[in-house]
Amino acid sequence: MADTHHLVKTILIPQVAELLMKNKGLSEDEALRAIYESPIAPLLEDDSMGLYGQSAWYVYSLIEND
């Protein structure tokens, strides 16, 4: 099951980065940095939180409202 979560996160993070790039005008590096330096990053890594199962828009909104 953890492998599935890892695969979902591998897809989810680039989708969130794309939203940050499109909506905030960030470069790819800036968008990834915004994700990994946000308070949401540890929650994405914690499978028990279930953020891996949320939409990219939902995770984006958490980062945007941080």
C-alpha atoms as a PDB file:
ATOM      1  CA  MET A   1       0.000   0.000   0.000  1.00  0.00           C
ATOM      2  CA  ALA A   2       2.825   2.432   0.821  1.00  0.00           C
ATOM      3  CA  ASP A   3       4.175   1.915  -2.712  1.00  0.00           C
ATOM      4  CA  THR A   4       0.841   3.075  -4.092  1.00  0.00           C
ATOM      5  CA  HIS A   5       0.954   6.171  -1.901  1.00  0.00           C
ATOM      6  CA  HIS A   6       4.468   6.915  -3.131  1.00  0.00           C
ATOM      7  CA  LEU A   7       3.344   6.624  -6.749  1.00  0.00           C
ATOM      8  CA  VAL A   8       0.368   8.916  -6.155  1.00  0.00           C
ATOM      9  CA  LYS A   9       2.636  11.509  -4.518  1.00  0.00           C
ATOM     10  CA  THR A  10       4.997  11.267  -7.489  1.00  0.00           C
ATOM     11  CA  ILE A  11       2.110  12.414  -9.662  1.00  0.00           C
ATOM     12  CA  LEU A  12       0.495  14.819  -7.176  1.00  0.00           C
ATOM     13  CA  ILE A  13       3.551  16.973  -6.429  1.00  0.00           C
ATOM     14  CA  PRO A  14       4.241  17.885 -10.089  1.00  0.00           C
ATOM     15  CA  GLN A  15       0.552  18.701 -10.531  1.00  0.00           C
ATOM     16  CA  VAL A  16       0.651  21.065  -7.553  1.00  0.00           C
ATOM     17  CA  ALA A  17       3.900  22.576  -8.869  1.00  0.00           C
ATOM     18  CA  GLU A  18       2.206  23.145 -12.239  1.00  0.00           C
ATOM     19  CA  LEU A  19      -0.660  24.973 -10.527  1.00  0.00           C
ATOM     20  CA  LEU A  20       1.808  27.160  -8.631  1.00  0.00           C
ATOM     21  CA  MET A  21       3.682  27.921 -11.839  1.00  0.00           C
ATOM     22  CA  LYS A  22       0.495  28.771 -13.751  1.00  0.00           C
ATOM     23  CA  ASN A  23      -1.337  30.706 -11.033  1.00  0.00           C
ATOM     24  CA  LYS A  24       1.551  32.341  -9.182  1.00  0.00           C
ATOM     25  CA  GLY A  25       4.012  32.791 -12.044  1.00  0.00           C
ATOM     26  CA  LEU A  26       6.697  30.746 -10.294  1.00  0.00           C
ATOM     27  CA  SER A  27       9.483  28.911 -12.052  1.00  0.00           C
ATOM     28  CA  GLU A  28       9.576  25.138 -11.664  1.00  0.00           C
ATOM     29  CA  ASP A  29      12.328  25.401  -9.038  1.00  0.00           C
ATOM     30  CA  GLU A  30      10.410  28.067  -7.123  1.00  0.00           C
ATOM     31  CA  ALA A  31       7.228  26.017  -7.229  1.00  0.00           C
ATOM     32  CA  LEU A  32       8.933  22.882  -5.946  1.00  0.00           C
ATOM     33  CA  ARG A  33      10.674  24.897  -3.248  1.00  0.00           C
ATOM     34  CA  ALA A  34       7.312  26.390  -2.228  1.00  0.00           C
ATOM     35  CA  ILE A  35       5.901  22.876  -1.852  1.00  0.00           C
ATOM     36  CA  TYR A  36       8.827  21.329   0.007  1.00  0.00           C
ATOM     37  CA  GLU A  37       9.369  24.321   2.310  1.00  0.00           C
ATOM     38  CA  SER A  38       5.687  24.665   3.196  1.00  0.00           C
ATOM     39  CA  PRO A  39       4.179  23.285   6.400  1.00  0.00           C
ATOM     40  CA  ILE A  40       2.236  20.929   4.131  1.00  0.00           C
ATOM     41  CA  ALA A  41       5.366  19.017   3.004  1.00  0.00           C
ATOM     42  CA  PRO A  42       5.668  16.836   6.132  1.00  0.00           C
ATOM     43  CA  LEU A  43       1.949  16.111   5.918  1.00  0.00           C
ATOM     44  CA  LEU A  44       2.370  14.909   2.333  1.00  0.00           C
ATOM     45  CA  GLU A  45       5.034  12.488   3.536  1.00  0.00           C
ATOM     46  CA  ASP A  46       2.839  11.168   6.365  1.00  0.00           C
ATOM     47  CA  ASP A  47       0.678   8.483   4.768  1.00  0.00           C
ATOM     48  CA  SER A  48      -1.636   8.433   7.788  1.00  0.00           C
ATOM     49  CA  MET A  49      -2.736  12.017   6.978  1.00  0.00           C
ATOM     50  CA  GLY A  50      -4.176  10.935   3.633  1.00  0.00           C
ATOM     51  CA  LEU A  51      -3.169  14.046   1.680  1.00  0.00           C
ATOM     52  CA  TYR A  52      -1.836  11.777  -1.058  1.00  0.00           C
ATOM     53  CA  GLY A  53      -5.483  10.977  -1.814  1.00  0.00           C
ATOM     54  CA  GLN A  54      -6.576  14.585  -2.216  1.00  0.00           C
ATOM     55  CA  SER A  55      -6.708  16.509  -5.453  1.00  0.00           C
ATOM     56  CA  ALA A  56      -3.885  18.715  -6.657  1.00  0.00           C
ATOM     57  CA  TRP A  57      -6.239  21.705  -6.315  1.00  0.00           C
ATOM     58  CA  TYR A  58      -6.863  20.883  -2.661  1.00  0.00           C
ATOM     59  CA  VAL A  59      -3.161  20.592  -1.831  1.00  0.00           C
ATOM     60  CA  TYR A  60      -2.490  23.749  -3.852  1.00  0.00           C
ATOM     61  CA  SER A  61      -5.099  25.618  -1.805  1.00  0.00           C
ATOM     62  CA  LEU A  62      -3.419  24.510   1.425  1.00  0.00           C
ATOM     63  CA  ILE A  63      -0.069  25.828   0.211  1.00  0.00           C
ATOM     64  CA  GLU A  64      -1.574  29.007  -1.212  1.00  0.00           C
ATOM     65  CA  ASN A  65      -3.345  29.782   2.056  1.00  0.00           C
ATOM     66  CA  ASP A  66      -0.267  29.069   4.163  1.00  0.00           C
END
